[in-house]
Amino acid sequence: MAVKIAEIVETLEFVSDIDGVKDCLMAQQGEYWFNIDVSKGSGLKAGDKVRVIVERVD
């Protein structure tokens, strides 16, 4: 069973290339902020709206 800890729906402020292999996504919503690396080629760019859900999975 998964327990939701946080859900962030926000516009990406920053997308950066990491060694040509990954993209680093960053945004802030109130007290929450995230910095997540995803595989290159996601097509995401600054200004795109995303949803990040953090859950504890047993």
N, C-alpha and C. Protein backbone atom coordinates (compact mmCIF):
# COMPACT_ATOMS: atom_id res chain seq x y z
N MET A 1 0.84 -1.19 0.00
CA MET A 1 0.00 0.00 0.00
C MET A 1 0.88 1.24 0.00
N ALA A 2 0.51 2.23 -0.82
CA ALA A 2 1.28 3.46 -0.90
C ALA A 2 0.62 4.55 -0.07
N VAL A 3 1.47 5.34 0.60
CA VAL A 3 0.99 6.46 1.41
C VAL A 3 1.54 7.74 0.79
N LYS A 4 0.65 8.65 0.35
CA LYS A 4 1.10 9.88 -0.28
C LYS A 4 1.69 10.82 0.77
N ILE A 5 2.89 11.29 0.50
CA ILE A 5 3.60 12.22 1.37
C ILE A 5 3.42 13.65 0.86
N ALA A 6 3.56 13.85 -0.45
CA ALA A 6 3.44 15.19 -1.04
C ALA A 6 3.07 15.06 -2.50
N GLU A 7 2.38 16.08 -2.99
CA GLU A 7 2.08 16.19 -4.42
C GLU A 7 2.35 17.62 -4.84
N ILE A 8 3.18 17.77 -5.85
CA ILE A 8 3.55 19.10 -6.35
C ILE A 8 3.10 19.20 -7.80
N VAL A 9 2.32 20.21 -8.12
CA VAL A 9 1.96 20.52 -9.51
C VAL A 9 2.49 21.92 -9.76
N GLU A 10 3.50 22.01 -10.59
CA GLU A 10 4.16 23.30 -10.76
C GLU A 10 4.80 23.41 -12.14
N THR A 11 5.07 24.64 -12.53
CA THR A 11 5.76 24.92 -13.79
C THR A 11 7.26 24.80 -13.58
N LEU A 12 7.92 24.06 -14.48
CA LEU A 12 9.37 23.92 -14.38
C LEU A 12 10.03 25.28 -14.54
N GLU A 13 10.92 25.59 -13.61
CA GLU A 13 11.67 26.84 -13.66
C GLU A 13 12.98 26.67 -14.42
N PHE A 14 13.49 25.45 -14.41
CA PHE A 14 14.85 25.23 -14.88
C PHE A 14 14.98 23.80 -15.41
N VAL A 15 15.55 23.64 -16.59
CA VAL A 15 15.90 22.32 -17.12
C VAL A 15 17.33 22.43 -17.62
N SER A 16 18.21 21.57 -17.11
CA SER A 16 19.62 21.65 -17.46
C SER A 16 20.14 20.31 -17.97
N ASP A 17 21.04 20.37 -18.91
CA ASP A 17 21.69 19.17 -19.45
C ASP A 17 22.76 18.69 -18.49
N ILE A 18 22.77 17.39 -18.19
CA ILE A 18 23.81 16.81 -17.34
C ILE A 18 24.58 15.80 -18.17
N ASP A 19 25.77 16.18 -18.59
CA ASP A 19 26.68 15.32 -19.33
C ASP A 19 26.06 14.71 -20.59
N GLY A 20 25.05 15.34 -21.17
CA GLY A 20 24.43 14.84 -22.38
C GLY A 20 23.65 13.55 -22.19
N VAL A 21 23.49 13.13 -20.92
CA VAL A 21 22.84 11.86 -20.63
C VAL A 21 21.50 12.07 -19.92
N LYS A 22 21.42 13.10 -19.09
CA LYS A 22 20.22 13.35 -18.29
C LYS A 22 19.82 14.82 -18.39
N ASP A 23 18.56 15.08 -18.05
CA ASP A 23 18.07 16.44 -17.86
C ASP A 23 17.76 16.61 -16.37
N CYS A 24 18.14 17.74 -15.81
CA CYS A 24 17.84 18.06 -14.42
C CYS A 24 16.66 19.02 -14.42
N LEU A 25 15.56 18.63 -13.74
CA LEU A 25 14.35 19.44 -13.66
C LEU A 25 14.26 20.09 -12.29
N MET A 26 13.88 21.38 -12.24
CA MET A 26 13.76 22.04 -10.96
C MET A 26 12.57 22.99 -10.94
N ALA A 27 11.87 22.98 -9.80
CA ALA A 27 10.77 23.92 -9.58
C ALA A 27 10.49 24.00 -8.08
N GLN A 28 9.75 25.03 -7.69
CA GLN A 28 9.38 25.23 -6.29
C GLN A 28 7.90 25.56 -6.21
N GLN A 29 7.24 24.98 -5.22
CA GLN A 29 5.83 25.29 -4.93
C GLN A 29 5.70 25.49 -3.44
N GLY A 30 5.60 26.72 -2.99
CA GLY A 30 5.49 27.01 -1.57
C GLY A 30 6.67 26.45 -0.80
N GLU A 31 6.39 25.60 0.19
CA GLU A 31 7.47 25.02 1.01
C GLU A 31 8.16 23.84 0.34
N TYR A 32 7.60 23.36 -0.77
CA TYR A 32 8.17 22.21 -1.47
C TYR A 32 8.99 22.68 -2.66
N TRP A 33 10.08 22.00 -2.92
CA TRP A 33 10.82 22.20 -4.15
C TRP A 33 11.39 20.86 -4.56
N PHE A 34 11.68 20.72 -5.83
CA PHE A 34 12.28 19.47 -6.29
C PHE A 34 13.36 19.74 -7.32
N ASN A 35 14.28 18.80 -7.36
CA ASN A 35 15.38 18.80 -8.30
C ASN A 35 15.55 17.33 -8.68
N ILE A 36 15.10 16.96 -9.86
CA ILE A 36 15.05 15.56 -10.28
C ILE A 36 15.79 15.39 -11.59
N ASP A 37 16.60 14.36 -11.69
CA ASP A 37 17.26 14.01 -12.94
C ASP A 37 16.40 12.98 -13.67
N VAL A 38 16.17 13.21 -14.96
CA VAL A 38 15.44 12.26 -15.80
C VAL A 38 16.28 11.96 -17.03
N SER A 39 15.95 10.89 -17.72
CA SER A 39 16.68 10.52 -18.93
C SER A 39 16.60 11.62 -19.97
N LYS A 40 17.70 11.82 -20.69
CA LYS A 40 17.75 12.80 -21.78
C LYS A 40 16.70 12.46 -22.82
N GLY A 41 16.13 13.46 -23.43
CA GLY A 41 15.15 13.23 -24.47
C GLY A 41 13.72 13.24 -23.96
N SER A 42 13.52 13.68 -22.72
CA SER A 42 12.16 13.74 -22.17
C SER A 42 11.32 14.77 -22.90
N GLY A 43 11.97 15.75 -23.51
CA GLY A 43 11.25 16.81 -24.21
C GLY A 43 10.77 17.92 -23.29
N LEU A 44 11.02 17.78 -21.97
CA LEU A 44 10.59 18.80 -21.03
C LEU A 44 11.47 20.03 -21.13
N LYS A 45 10.83 21.21 -20.90
CA LYS A 45 11.57 22.46 -20.96
C LYS A 45 11.00 23.42 -19.92
N ALA A 46 11.78 24.43 -19.60
CA ALA A 46 11.30 25.45 -18.65
C ALA A 46 9.97 25.99 -19.16
N GLY A 47 9.01 26.11 -18.23
CA GLY A 47 7.69 26.59 -18.59
C GLY A 47 6.65 25.48 -18.70
N ASP A 48 7.11 24.21 -18.84
CA ASP A 48 6.18 23.08 -18.87
C ASP A 48 5.64 22.82 -17.48
N LYS A 49 4.37 22.48 -17.38
CA LYS A 49 3.77 22.14 -16.08
C LYS A 49 3.90 20.64 -15.87
N VAL A 50 4.33 20.25 -14.65
CA VAL A 50 4.52 18.84 -14.31
C VAL A 50 3.88 18.54 -12.95
N ARG A 51 3.68 17.26 -12.70
CA ARG A 51 3.18 16.81 -11.40
C ARG A 51 4.21 15.81 -10.85
N VAL A 52 4.62 16.03 -9.61
CA VAL A 52 5.54 15.13 -8.91
C VAL A 52 4.80 14.62 -7.68
N ILE A 53 4.73 13.30 -7.53
CA ILE A 53 4.07 12.69 -6.39
C ILE A 53 5.10 11.87 -5.62
N VAL A 54 5.18 12.12 -4.33
CA VAL A 54 6.08 11.36 -3.46
C VAL A 54 5.22 10.46 -2.59
N GLU A 55 5.47 9.15 -2.67
CA GLU A 55 4.73 8.18 -1.90
C GLU A 55 5.68 7.23 -1.21
N ARG A 56 5.29 6.80 -0.03
CA ARG A 56 6.01 5.72 0.66
C ARG A 56 5.34 4.43 0.20
N VAL A 57 6.15 3.52 -0.33
CA VAL A 57 5.62 2.25 -0.83
C VAL A 57 6.16 1.14 0.05
N ASP A 58 5.26 0.36 0.59
CA ASP A 58 5.68 -0.76 1.45
C ASP A 58 6.01 -1.97 0.63
